[in-house]
Amino acid sequence: MIRALALGVIGCAGLGYAINLGLLLRRLAAPEEIEALWDIVLPITSYSLLVFSAAAWALKAPFADLSGAAAVVVLLVVVLLIVALRKSLVVTLFQASRKRKDASD
């Protein structure tokens, strides 16, 4: 039960953050700067499935046996890590190209 509660809290917090980030991106970023799949769709889907997994564990759903649910959680964490690493790479490359342009001016 503690595992389901912790997973649910993490999923809800991440879901709220991803939705807030999506709304901020729509308002602050230019349309060509937004990569909807990486910035909005994958994080919201992953956090939603984490909340679903937590609910399945808490309610002891028949399809939520320990090995299957743990595999889903591991897969979702890997997806979130890939999204975060890709976003870090994009930001790093953007900063490096911006500094290079400033130096040439």
C-alpha atoms as a PDB file:
ATOM      1  CA  MET A   1       0.000   0.000   0.000  1.00  0.00           C
ATOM      2  CA  ILE A   2       2.884   2.383   0.753  1.00  0.00           C
ATOM      3  CA  ARG A   3       4.364   1.630  -2.680  1.00  0.00           C
ATOM      4  CA  ALA A   4       1.067   2.464  -4.384  1.00  0.00           C
ATOM      5  CA  LEU A   5       0.717   5.682  -2.378  1.00  0.00           C
ATOM      6  CA  ALA A   6       4.253   6.821  -3.201  1.00  0.00           C
ATOM      7  CA  LEU A   7       3.794   5.987  -6.880  1.00  0.00           C
ATOM      8  CA  GLY A   8       0.456   7.816  -6.934  1.00  0.00           C
ATOM      9  CA  VAL A   9       1.916  10.943  -5.340  1.00  0.00           C
ATOM     10  CA  ILE A  10       4.841  10.970  -7.781  1.00  0.00           C
ATOM     11  CA  GLY A  11       2.494  10.401 -10.721  1.00  0.00           C
ATOM     12  CA  CYS A  12       0.078  13.150  -9.656  1.00  0.00           C
ATOM     13  CA  ALA A  13       2.883  15.636  -9.026  1.00  0.00           C
ATOM     14  CA  GLY A  14       4.500  14.834 -12.375  1.00  0.00           C
ATOM     15  CA  LEU A  15       1.174  15.018 -14.169  1.00  0.00           C
ATOM     16  CA  GLY A  16       0.446  18.437 -12.684  1.00  0.00           C
ATOM     17  CA  TYR A  17       3.926  19.654 -13.602  1.00  0.00           C
ATOM     18  CA  ALA A  18       3.688  18.322 -17.183  1.00  0.00           C
ATOM     19  CA  ILE A  19       0.267  19.898 -17.728  1.00  0.00           C
ATOM     20  CA  ASN A  20       1.475  23.217 -16.283  1.00  0.00           C
ATOM     21  CA  LEU A  21       4.551  23.086 -18.525  1.00  0.00           C
ATOM     22  CA  GLY A  22       2.378  22.353 -21.570  1.00  0.00           C
ATOM     23  CA  LEU A  23       0.167  25.356 -20.833  1.00  0.00           C
ATOM     24  CA  LEU A  24       3.191  27.609 -20.291  1.00  0.00           C
ATOM     25  CA  LEU A  25       4.782  26.416 -23.531  1.00  0.00           C
ATOM     26  CA  ARG A  26       1.646  27.254 -25.485  1.00  0.00           C
ATOM     27  CA  ARG A  27       1.684  30.767 -24.094  1.00  0.00           C
ATOM     28  CA  LEU A  28       5.411  31.606 -23.992  1.00  0.00           C
ATOM     29  CA  ALA A  29       7.117  29.655 -26.776  1.00  0.00           C
ATOM     30  CA  ALA A  30       6.894  30.189 -30.503  1.00  0.00           C
ATOM     31  CA  PRO A  31       4.990  27.411 -32.304  1.00  0.00           C
ATOM     32  CA  GLU A  32       8.105  26.242 -34.168  1.00  0.00           C
ATOM     33  CA  GLU A  33       9.972  25.834 -30.844  1.00  0.00           C
ATOM     34  CA  ILE A  34       7.439  23.435 -29.338  1.00  0.00           C
ATOM     35  CA  GLU A  35       8.019  19.737 -29.893  1.00  0.00           C
ATOM     36  CA  ALA A  36       4.649  18.427 -28.770  1.00  0.00           C
ATOM     37  CA  LEU A  37       5.628  14.762 -28.635  1.00  0.00           C
ATOM     38  CA  TRP A  38       8.692  15.296 -26.413  1.00  0.00           C
ATOM     39  CA  ASP A  39       7.467  18.271 -24.389  1.00  0.00           C
ATOM     40  CA  ILE A  40       3.825  17.381 -23.775  1.00  0.00           C
ATOM     41  CA  VAL A  41       2.556  14.014 -25.021  1.00  0.00           C
ATOM     42  CA  LEU A  42       5.187  11.586 -23.661  1.00  0.00           C
ATOM     43  CA  PRO A  43       5.444  13.127 -20.165  1.00  0.00           C
ATOM     44  CA  ILE A  44       1.667  13.423 -19.693  1.00  0.00           C
ATOM     45  CA  THR A  45       1.114   9.870 -20.944  1.00  0.00           C
ATOM     46  CA  SER A  46       3.866   8.444 -18.728  1.00  0.00           C
ATOM     47  CA  TYR A  47       2.718  10.218 -15.576  1.00  0.00           C
ATOM     48  CA  SER A  48      -0.914   9.266 -16.275  1.00  0.00           C
ATOM     49  CA  LEU A  49       0.092   5.618 -16.571  1.00  0.00           C
ATOM     50  CA  LEU A  50       2.053   5.895 -13.306  1.00  0.00           C
ATOM     51  CA  VAL A  51      -1.123   7.098 -11.572  1.00  0.00           C
ATOM     52  CA  PHE A  52      -3.058   4.247 -13.211  1.00  0.00           C
ATOM     53  CA  SER A  53      -0.444   1.728 -12.036  1.00  0.00           C
ATOM     54  CA  ALA A  54      -0.631   3.091  -8.499  1.00  0.00           C
ATOM     55  CA  ALA A  55      -4.414   2.792  -8.490  1.00  0.00           C
ATOM     56  CA  ALA A  56      -4.203  -0.776  -9.812  1.00  0.00           C
ATOM     57  CA  TRP A  57      -1.736  -1.736  -7.070  1.00  0.00           C
ATOM     58  CA  ALA A  58      -3.802  -0.050  -4.363  1.00  0.00           C
ATOM     59  CA  LEU A  59      -7.021  -1.729  -5.489  1.00  0.00           C
ATOM     60  CA  LYS A  60      -5.251  -5.078  -5.976  1.00  0.00           C
ATOM     61  CA  ALA A  61      -6.508  -5.406  -9.538  1.00  0.00           C
ATOM     62  CA  PRO A  62      -6.096  -8.894 -11.016  1.00  0.00           C
ATOM     63  CA  PHE A  63      -3.891  -7.589 -13.837  1.00  0.00           C
ATOM     64  CA  ALA A  64      -1.598  -5.742 -11.409  1.00  0.00           C
ATOM     65  CA  ASP A  65       0.496  -8.639 -10.189  1.00  0.00           C
ATOM     66  CA  LEU A  66       3.849  -7.557  -8.818  1.00  0.00           C
ATOM     67  CA  SER A  67       6.037  -8.550 -11.765  1.00  0.00           C
ATOM     68  CA  GLY A  68       3.780  -7.081 -14.473  1.00  0.00           C
ATOM     69  CA  ALA A  69       3.171  -3.801 -12.695  1.00  0.00           C
ATOM     70  CA  ALA A  70       6.847  -3.435 -11.818  1.00  0.00           C
ATOM     71  CA  ALA A  71       7.755  -3.936 -15.477  1.00  0.00           C
ATOM     72  CA  VAL A  72       5.314  -1.201 -16.511  1.00  0.00           C
ATOM     73  CA  VAL A  73       6.728   1.191 -13.920  1.00  0.00           C
ATOM     74  CA  VAL A  74      10.301   0.474 -15.044  1.00  0.00           C
ATOM     75  CA  LEU A  75       9.308   1.075 -18.671  1.00  0.00           C
ATOM     76  CA  LEU A  76       7.636   4.388 -17.784  1.00  0.00           C
ATOM     77  CA  VAL A  77      10.659   5.549 -15.800  1.00  0.00           C
ATOM     78  CA  VAL A  78      12.927   4.726 -18.748  1.00  0.00           C
ATOM     79  CA  VAL A  79      10.659   6.730 -21.082  1.00  0.00           C
ATOM     80  CA  LEU A  80      10.757   9.703 -18.693  1.00  0.00           C
ATOM     81  CA  LEU A  81      14.559   9.450 -18.457  1.00  0.00           C
ATOM     82  CA  ILE A  82      14.898   9.431 -22.243  1.00  0.00           C
ATOM     83  CA  VAL A  83      12.628  12.484 -22.504  1.00  0.00           C
ATOM     84  CA  ALA A  84      14.655  14.330 -19.846  1.00  0.00           C
ATOM     85  CA  LEU A  85      18.005  13.435 -21.433  1.00  0.00           C
ATOM     86  CA  ARG A  86      16.803  14.544 -24.849  1.00  0.00           C
ATOM     87  CA  LYS A  87      15.513  17.835 -23.457  1.00  0.00           C
ATOM     88  CA  SER A  88      18.843  18.413 -21.695  1.00  0.00           C
ATOM     89  CA  LEU A  89      20.681  17.808 -24.960  1.00  0.00           C
ATOM     90  CA  VAL A  90      18.424  20.251 -26.834  1.00  0.00           C
ATOM     91  CA  VAL A  91      18.919  22.965 -24.202  1.00  0.00           C
ATOM     92  CA  THR A  92      22.688  22.413 -24.145  1.00  0.00           C
ATOM     93  CA  LEU A  93      22.965  22.627 -27.923  1.00  0.00           C
ATOM     94  CA  PHE A  94      20.795  25.751 -27.958  1.00  0.00           C
ATOM     95  CA  GLN A  95      22.991  27.447 -25.338  1.00  0.00           C
ATOM     96  CA  ALA A  96      26.186  26.479 -27.174  1.00  0.00           C
ATOM     97  CA  SER A  97      24.930  27.818 -30.497  1.00  0.00           C
ATOM     98  CA  ARG A  98      23.717  31.037 -28.864  1.00  0.00           C
ATOM     99  CA  LYS A  99      27.087  31.712 -27.236  1.00  0.00           C
ATOM    100  CA  ARG A 100      28.846  31.074 -30.542  1.00  0.00           C
ATOM    101  CA  LYS A 101      26.599  33.630 -32.293  1.00  0.00           C
ATOM    102  CA  ASP A 102      27.207  36.198 -29.526  1.00  0.00           C
ATOM    103  CA  ALA A 103      30.968  35.742 -29.836  1.00  0.00           C
ATOM    104  CA  SER A 104      30.910  36.307 -33.601  1.00  0.00           C
ATOM    105  CA  ASP A 105      29.025  39.621 -33.276  1.00  0.00           C
END
